[in-house]
PDB file of N, CA and C in Angstrom:
ATOM      1  N   MET A   1     -21.674 -10.530  43.832  1.00  0.00           N
ATOM      2  CA  MET A   1     -23.700 -10.743  44.506  1.00  0.00           C
ATOM      3  C   MET A   1     -24.336  -9.840  44.167  1.00  0.00           C
ATOM      4  N   PRO A   2     -25.495  -9.902  43.894  1.00  0.00           N
ATOM      5  CA  PRO A   2     -26.481  -9.226  42.950  1.00  0.00           C
ATOM      6  C   PRO A   2     -26.748  -7.746  44.274  1.00  0.00           C
ATOM      7  N   PRO A   3     -26.784  -7.429  44.129  1.00  0.00           N
ATOM      8  CA  PRO A   3     -27.828  -6.655  45.257  1.00  0.00           C
ATOM      9  C   PRO A   3     -29.416  -7.191  45.377  1.00  0.00           C
ATOM     10  N   LEU A   4     -29.607  -6.911  46.558  1.00  0.00           N
ATOM     11  CA  LEU A   4     -31.463  -7.646  46.972  1.00  0.00           C
ATOM     12  C   LEU A   4     -32.053  -6.755  46.582  1.00  0.00           C
ATOM     13  N   SER A   5     -33.517  -6.996  45.845  1.00  0.00           N
ATOM     14  CA  SER A   5     -34.523  -5.934  44.955  1.00  0.00           C
ATOM     15  C   SER A   5     -34.997  -5.586  46.502  1.00  0.00           C
ATOM     16  N   PHE A   6     -36.104  -4.858  46.692  1.00  0.00           N
ATOM     17  CA  PHE A   6     -36.882  -4.281  47.611  1.00  0.00           C
ATOM     18  C   PHE A   6     -37.862  -5.782  47.683  1.00  0.00           C
ATOM     19  N   ARG A   7     -38.292  -6.433  46.839  1.00  0.00           N
ATOM     20  CA  ARG A   7     -39.343  -7.055  47.045  1.00  0.00           C
ATOM     21  C   ARG A   7     -38.661  -8.277  47.492  1.00  0.00           C
ATOM     22  N   THR A   8     -37.359  -8.536  47.193  1.00  0.00           N
ATOM     23  CA  THR A   8     -36.913  -9.725  48.108  1.00  0.00           C
ATOM     24  C   THR A   8     -36.184  -8.869  49.460  1.00  0.00           C
ATOM     25  N   ARG A   9     -36.089  -7.943  49.625  1.00  0.00           N
ATOM     26  CA  ARG A   9     -35.746  -7.511  50.897  1.00  0.00           C
ATOM     27  C   ARG A   9     -37.430  -7.290  52.413  1.00  0.00           C
ATOM     28  N   GLU A  10     -38.377  -7.316  51.786  1.00  0.00           N
ATOM     29  CA  GLU A  10     -39.654  -7.050  52.013  1.00  0.00           C
ATOM     30  C   GLU A  10     -39.807  -8.635  52.824  1.00  0.00           C
ATOM     31  N   ASN A  11     -39.546  -9.673  51.808  1.00  0.00           N
ATOM     32  CA  ASN A  11     -40.261 -10.817  51.590  1.00  0.00           C
ATOM     33  C   ASN A  11     -38.935 -11.577  53.073  1.00  0.00           C
ATOM     34  N   THR A  12     -37.816 -10.765  52.984  1.00  0.00           N
ATOM     35  CA  THR A  12     -37.374 -11.625  54.129  1.00  0.00           C
ATOM     36  C   THR A  12     -37.342 -10.911  55.376  1.00  0.00           C
ATOM     37  N   VAL A  13     -37.801  -9.922  55.434  1.00  0.00           N
ATOM     38  CA  VAL A  13     -37.942  -9.055  56.852  1.00  0.00           C
ATOM     39  C   VAL A  13     -39.418  -9.632  57.355  1.00  0.00           C
ATOM     40  N   TYR A  14     -40.005 -10.038  56.268  1.00  0.00           N
ATOM     41  CA  TYR A  14     -41.282 -10.565  56.616  1.00  0.00           C
ATOM     42  C   TYR A  14     -41.016 -12.308  56.836  1.00  0.00           C
ATOM     43  N   GLU A  15     -40.083 -13.138  56.463  1.00  0.00           N
ATOM     44  CA  GLU A  15     -39.953 -14.493  56.737  1.00  0.00           C
ATOM     45  C   GLU A  15     -39.051 -14.081  58.294  1.00  0.00           C
ATOM     46  N   TYR A  16     -38.417 -13.572  58.525  1.00  0.00           N
ATOM     47  CA  TYR A  16     -37.214 -13.467  60.025  1.00  0.00           C
ATOM     48  C   TYR A  16     -38.714 -12.812  60.965  1.00  0.00           C
ATOM     49  N   GLU A  17     -39.698 -12.031  60.802  1.00  0.00           N
ATOM     50  CA  GLU A  17     -40.524 -11.710  61.384  1.00  0.00           C
ATOM     51  C   GLU A  17     -41.756 -12.613  61.892  1.00  0.00           C
ATOM     52  N   LEU A  18     -42.156 -13.816  61.007  1.00  0.00           N
ATOM     53  CA  LEU A  18     -42.567 -14.729  60.938  1.00  0.00           C
ATOM     54  C   LEU A  18     -41.604 -16.042  61.972  1.00  0.00           C
ATOM     55  N   HIS A  19     -40.853 -16.197  61.456  1.00  0.00           N
ATOM     56  CA  HIS A  19     -39.528 -17.060  62.288  1.00  0.00           C
ATOM     57  C   HIS A  19     -39.484 -16.499  64.282  1.00  0.00           C
ATOM     58  N   GLN A  20     -39.429 -14.951  64.208  1.00  0.00           N
ATOM     59  CA  GLN A  20     -39.588 -14.715  65.280  1.00  0.00           C
ATOM     60  C   GLN A  20     -40.352 -15.018  66.359  1.00  0.00           C
ATOM     61  N   LEU A  21     -41.595 -14.389  65.126  1.00  0.00           N
ATOM     62  CA  LEU A  21     -43.646 -15.182  66.621  1.00  0.00           C
ATOM     63  C   LEU A  21     -43.104 -16.206  66.324  1.00  0.00           C
ATOM     64  N   THR A  22     -43.430 -17.208  65.714  1.00  0.00           N
ATOM     65  CA  THR A  22     -43.086 -19.198  65.952  1.00  0.00           C
ATOM     66  C   THR A  22     -41.874 -19.100  67.239  1.00  0.00           C
ATOM     67  N   VAL A  23     -40.830 -18.990  67.108  1.00  0.00           N
ATOM     68  CA  VAL A  23     -40.029 -19.229  68.307  1.00  0.00           C
ATOM     69  C   VAL A  23     -40.323 -18.285  70.081  1.00  0.00           C
ATOM     70  N   ALA A  24     -41.204 -17.318  69.165  1.00  0.00           N
ATOM     71  CA  ALA A  24     -41.842 -16.872  70.420  1.00  0.00           C
ATOM     72  C   ALA A  24     -42.619 -17.792  71.237  1.00  0.00           C
ATOM     73  N   GLU A  25     -43.544 -17.770  70.195  1.00  0.00           N
ATOM     74  CA  GLU A  25     -44.816 -18.838  70.726  1.00  0.00           C
ATOM     75  C   GLU A  25     -44.836 -19.949  71.079  1.00  0.00           C
ATOM     76  N   LEU A  26     -43.151 -20.683  70.615  1.00  0.00           N
ATOM     77  CA  LEU A  26     -42.689 -22.125  70.939  1.00  0.00           C
ATOM     78  C   LEU A  26     -42.018 -22.337  72.839  1.00  0.00           C
ATOM     79  N   ILE A  27     -41.523 -20.837  72.977  1.00  0.00           N
ATOM     80  CA  ILE A  27     -40.613 -20.831  74.095  1.00  0.00           C
ATOM     81  C   ILE A  27     -42.122 -20.869  75.509  1.00  0.00           C
ATOM     82  N   ARG A  28     -43.212 -19.966  74.796  1.00  0.00           N
ATOM     83  CA  ARG A  28     -44.769 -19.640  75.509  1.00  0.00           C
ATOM     84  C   ARG A  28     -44.541 -21.368  76.030  1.00  0.00           C
ATOM     85  N   ARG A  29     -45.414 -21.682  75.124  1.00  0.00           N
ATOM     86  CA  ARG A  29     -45.831 -23.096  74.752  1.00  0.00           C
ATOM     87  C   ARG A  29     -44.569 -24.425  75.686  1.00  0.00           C
ATOM     88  N   ALA A  30     -43.541 -23.858  75.723  1.00  0.00           N
ATOM     89  CA  ALA A  30     -42.861 -24.579  76.475  1.00  0.00           C
ATOM     90  C   ALA A  30     -42.991 -24.563  77.890  1.00  0.00           C
ATOM     91  N   GLU A  31     -42.945 -23.319  78.386  1.00  0.00           N
ATOM     92  CA  GLU A  31     -43.313 -22.623  79.493  1.00  0.00           C
ATOM     93  C   GLU A  31     -44.206 -22.728  80.292  1.00  0.00           C
ATOM     94  N   GLU A  32     -45.453 -22.997  79.507  1.00  0.00           N
ATOM     95  CA  GLU A  32     -46.795 -23.576  80.013  1.00  0.00           C
ATOM     96  C   GLU A  32     -46.467 -24.674  80.158  1.00  0.00           C
ATOM     97  N   GLN A  33     -46.188 -25.508  79.723  1.00  0.00           N
ATOM     98  CA  GLN A  33     -46.035 -27.060  80.064  1.00  0.00           C
ATOM     99  C   GLN A  33     -45.240 -27.381  81.175  1.00  0.00           C
ATOM    100  N   ARG A  34     -44.092 -26.493  81.252  1.00  0.00           N
ATOM    101  CA  ARG A  34     -43.534 -26.774  82.865  1.00  0.00           C
ATOM    102  C   ARG A  34     -44.257 -26.405  83.602  1.00  0.00           C
ATOM    103  N   THR A  35     -45.025 -25.112  83.500  1.00  0.00           N
ATOM    104  CA  THR A  35     -45.394 -24.774  84.898  1.00  0.00           C
ATOM    105  C   THR A  35     -46.858 -25.510  84.941  1.00  0.00           C
ATOM    106  N   VAL A  36     -47.181 -26.235  84.271  1.00  0.00           N
ATOM    107  CA  VAL A  36     -48.241 -27.494  84.495  1.00  0.00           C
ATOM    108  C   VAL A  36     -47.642 -28.827  85.028  1.00  0.00           C
ATOM    109  N   ARG A  37     -46.509 -29.335  84.747  1.00  0.00           N
ATOM    110  CA  ARG A  37     -46.023 -30.299  85.121  1.00  0.00           C
ATOM    111  C   ARG A  37     -45.374 -30.378  86.160  1.00  0.00           C
ATOM    112  N   ARG A  38     -44.642 -28.821  86.892  1.00  0.00           N
ATOM    113  CA  ARG A  38     -44.691 -28.511  88.052  1.00  0.00           C
ATOM    114  C   ARG A  38     -45.821 -28.659  89.265  1.00  0.00           C
ATOM    115  N   ALA A  39     -46.719 -27.973  88.527  1.00  0.00           N
ATOM    116  CA  ALA A  39     -48.141 -27.946  89.334  1.00  0.00           C
ATOM    117  C   ALA A  39     -48.572 -29.682  89.479  1.00  0.00           C
ATOM    118  N   VAL A  40     -48.945 -30.359  88.255  1.00  0.00           N
ATOM    119  CA  VAL A  40     -48.661 -31.974  88.701  1.00  0.00           C
ATOM    120  C   VAL A  40     -47.650 -32.830  89.854  1.00  0.00           C
ATOM    121  N   LEU A  41     -46.094 -32.338  89.992  1.00  0.00           N
ATOM    122  CA  LEU A  41     -46.073 -32.828  90.791  1.00  0.00           C
ATOM    123  C   LEU A  41     -46.161 -32.240  91.900  1.00  0.00           C
ATOM    124  N   ALA A  42     -46.124 -31.074  92.141  1.00  0.00           N
ATOM    125  CA  ALA A  42     -46.350 -30.616  93.391  1.00  0.00           C
ATOM    126  C   ALA A  42     -47.409 -30.896  94.040  1.00  0.00           C
ATOM    127  N   ARG A  43     -48.713 -31.357  93.190  1.00  0.00           N
ATOM    128  CA  ARG A  43     -50.282 -32.062  93.387  1.00  0.00           C
ATOM    129  C   ARG A  43     -49.924 -33.555  94.382  1.00  0.00           C
ATOM    130  N   ARG A  44     -49.219 -34.136  93.574  1.00  0.00           N
ATOM    131  CA  ARG A  44     -48.831 -35.592  93.514  1.00  0.00           C
ATOM    132  C   ARG A  44     -48.128 -35.590  94.552  1.00  0.00           C
ATOM    133  N   ALA A  45     -47.071 -34.668  95.040  1.00  0.00           N
ATOM    134  CA  ALA A  45     -46.088 -34.863  96.584  1.00  0.00           C
ATOM    135  C   ALA A  45     -46.962 -34.480  97.344  1.00  0.00           C
ATOM    136  N   ALA A  46     -48.317 -33.332  97.290  1.00  0.00           N
ATOM    137  CA  ALA A  46     -48.973 -33.331  98.683  1.00  0.00           C
ATOM    138  C   ALA A  46     -50.129 -34.277  99.006  1.00  0.00           C
ATOM    139  N   ARG A  47     -50.575 -35.373  97.746  1.00  0.00           N
ATOM    140  CA  ARG A  47     -50.879 -36.195  98.111  1.00  0.00           C
ATOM    141  C   ARG A  47     -50.234 -37.266  99.114  1.00  0.00           C
ATOM    142  N   ARG A  48     -49.383 -38.057  97.900  1.00  0.00           N
ATOM    143  CA  ARG A  48     -48.612 -38.442  99.005  1.00  0.00           C
ATOM    144  C   ARG A  48     -47.925 -38.040 100.087  1.00  0.00           C
ATOM    145  N   ALA A  49     -47.733 -37.005 100.713  1.00  0.00           N
ATOM    146  CA  ALA A  49     -47.218 -36.669 102.071  1.00  0.00           C
ATOM    147  C   ALA A  49     -48.566 -36.547 102.945  1.00  0.00           C
ATOM    148  N   GLY A  50     -49.723 -36.366 102.303  1.00  0.00           N
ATOM    149  CA  GLY A  50     -51.414 -36.249 103.327  1.00  0.00           C
ATOM    150  C   GLY A  50     -51.517 -37.795 103.551  1.00  0.00           C
ATOM    151  N   ARG A  51     -50.619 -38.422 102.487  1.00  0.00           N
ATOM    152  CA  ARG A  51     -51.111 -40.289 103.491  1.00  0.00           C
ATOM    153  C   ARG A  51     -51.225 -40.587 104.422  1.00  0.00           C
ATOM    154  N   HIS A  52     -49.610 -39.850 105.277  1.00  0.00           N
ATOM    155  CA  HIS A  52     -49.269 -40.515 106.435  1.00  0.00           C
ATOM    156  C   HIS A  52     -50.169 -39.399 107.313  1.00  0.00           C
ATOM    157  N   ASP A  53     -50.569 -38.814 107.333  1.00  0.00           N
ATOM    158  CA  ASP A  53     -50.818 -37.703 107.713  1.00  0.00           C
ATOM    159  C   ASP A  53     -51.816 -38.064 109.043  1.00  0.00           C
ATOM    160  N   THR A  54     -51.821 -37.787 110.137  1.00  0.00           N
ATOM    161  CA  THR A  54     -53.073 -38.423 111.631  1.00  0.00           C
ATOM    162  C   THR A  54     -54.236 -37.908 111.158  1.00  0.00           C
ATOM    163  N   GLU A  55     -54.830 -37.201 110.935  1.00  0.00           N
ATOM    164  CA  GLU A  55     -55.848 -36.556 110.637  1.00  0.00           C
ATOM    165  C   GLU A  55     -56.221 -35.955 109.120  1.00  0.00           C
ATOM    166  N   GLY A  56     -56.741 -37.089 109.367  1.00  0.00           N
ATOM    167  CA  GLY A  56     -57.319 -37.688 107.398  1.00  0.00           C
ATOM    168  C   GLY A  56     -58.298 -37.750 107.130  1.00  0.00           C
ATOM    169  N   ARG A  57     -58.657 -38.295 105.900  1.00  0.00           N
ATOM    170  CA  ARG A  57     -59.939 -38.635 106.081  1.00  0.00           C
ATOM    171  C   ARG A  57     -60.461 -40.028 106.395  1.00  0.00           C
ATOM    172  N   VAL A  58     -61.072 -40.262 107.270  1.00  0.00           N
ATOM    173  CA  VAL A  58     -61.299 -41.452 108.016  1.00  0.00           C
ATOM    174  C   VAL A  58     -61.728 -43.088 106.578  1.00  0.00           C
ATOM    175  N   GLY A  59     -62.325 -42.777 106.063  1.00  0.00           N
ATOM    176  CA  GLY A  59     -63.180 -43.464 104.315  1.00  0.00           C
ATOM    177  C   GLY A  59     -63.728 -42.262 103.005  1.00  0.00           C
ATOM    178  N   LYS A  60     -63.355 -43.573 102.018  1.00  0.00           N
ATOM    179  CA  LYS A  60     -64.062 -42.836 100.930  1.00  0.00           C
ATOM    180  C   LYS A  60     -65.548 -42.671 100.782  1.00  0.00           C
ATOM    181  N   ASN A  61     -65.994 -43.441 101.259  1.00  0.00           N
ATOM    182  CA  ASN A  61     -67.593 -44.404 100.752  1.00  0.00           C
ATOM    183  C   ASN A  61     -67.933 -43.812 102.629  1.00  0.00           C
ATOM    184  N   ARG A  62     -68.815 -42.527 102.511  1.00  0.00           N
ATOM    185  CA  ARG A  62     -69.420 -42.636 103.715  1.00  0.00           C
ATOM    186  C   ARG A  62     -70.734 -43.699 103.999  1.00  0.00           C
ATOM    187  N   SER A  63     -71.051 -44.488 103.046  1.00  0.00           N
ATOM    188  CA  SER A  63     -72.218 -45.535 103.775  1.00  0.00           C
ATOM    189  C   SER A  63     -71.657 -46.542 104.144  1.00  0.00           C
ATOM    190  N   TRP A  64     -69.932 -46.938 104.485  1.00  0.00           N
ATOM    191  CA  TRP A  64     -69.456 -48.020 104.824  1.00  0.00           C
ATOM    192  C   TRP A  64     -68.714 -47.472 106.638  1.00  0.00           C
ATOM    193  N   PHE A  65     -69.379 -48.501 107.469  1.00  0.00           N
ATOM    194  CA  PHE A  65     -68.809 -48.034 108.331  1.00  0.00           C
ATOM    195  C   PHE A  65     -66.843 -48.064 109.130  1.00  0.00           C
ATOM    196  N   VAL A  66     -66.524 -47.324 109.019  1.00  0.00           N
ATOM    197  CA  VAL A  66     -64.775 -47.305 108.704  1.00  0.00           C
ATOM    198  C   VAL A  66     -64.340 -46.608 109.949  1.00  0.00           C
ATOM    199  N   ARG A  67     -63.478 -47.968 110.911  1.00  0.00           N
ATOM    200  CA  ARG A  67     -62.993 -47.349 112.225  1.00  0.00           C
ATOM    201  C   ARG A  67     -61.844 -46.565 111.901  1.00  0.00           C
ATOM    202  N   ALA A  68     -61.286 -45.642 112.824  1.00  0.00           N
ATOM    203  CA  ALA A  68     -60.547 -44.495 112.966  1.00  0.00           C
ATOM    204  C   ALA A  68     -59.751 -44.867 112.997  1.00  0.00           C
ATOM    205  N   ALA A  69     -59.726 -44.973 114.177  1.00  0.00           N
ATOM    206  CA  ALA A  69     -58.012 -45.267 114.601  1.00  0.00           C
ATOM    207  C   ALA A  69     -58.329 -46.839 115.240  1.00  0.00           C
TER     208      ALA A  69
END
């Protein structure tokens, strides 16, 4: 196998660095998506837990009379 020329080595290093940057960006995006998903699930769980709360909102529309108990 013939030795690599300087130009080929330079391109290979450049391509490797681009690949590393792409991998790092994909890992960052995946972590961000996991964090968002966890936040959505936590909010949903908090809302569901609050439905059975005895001291919650009486009604959504304040113009209507809603019996509290």
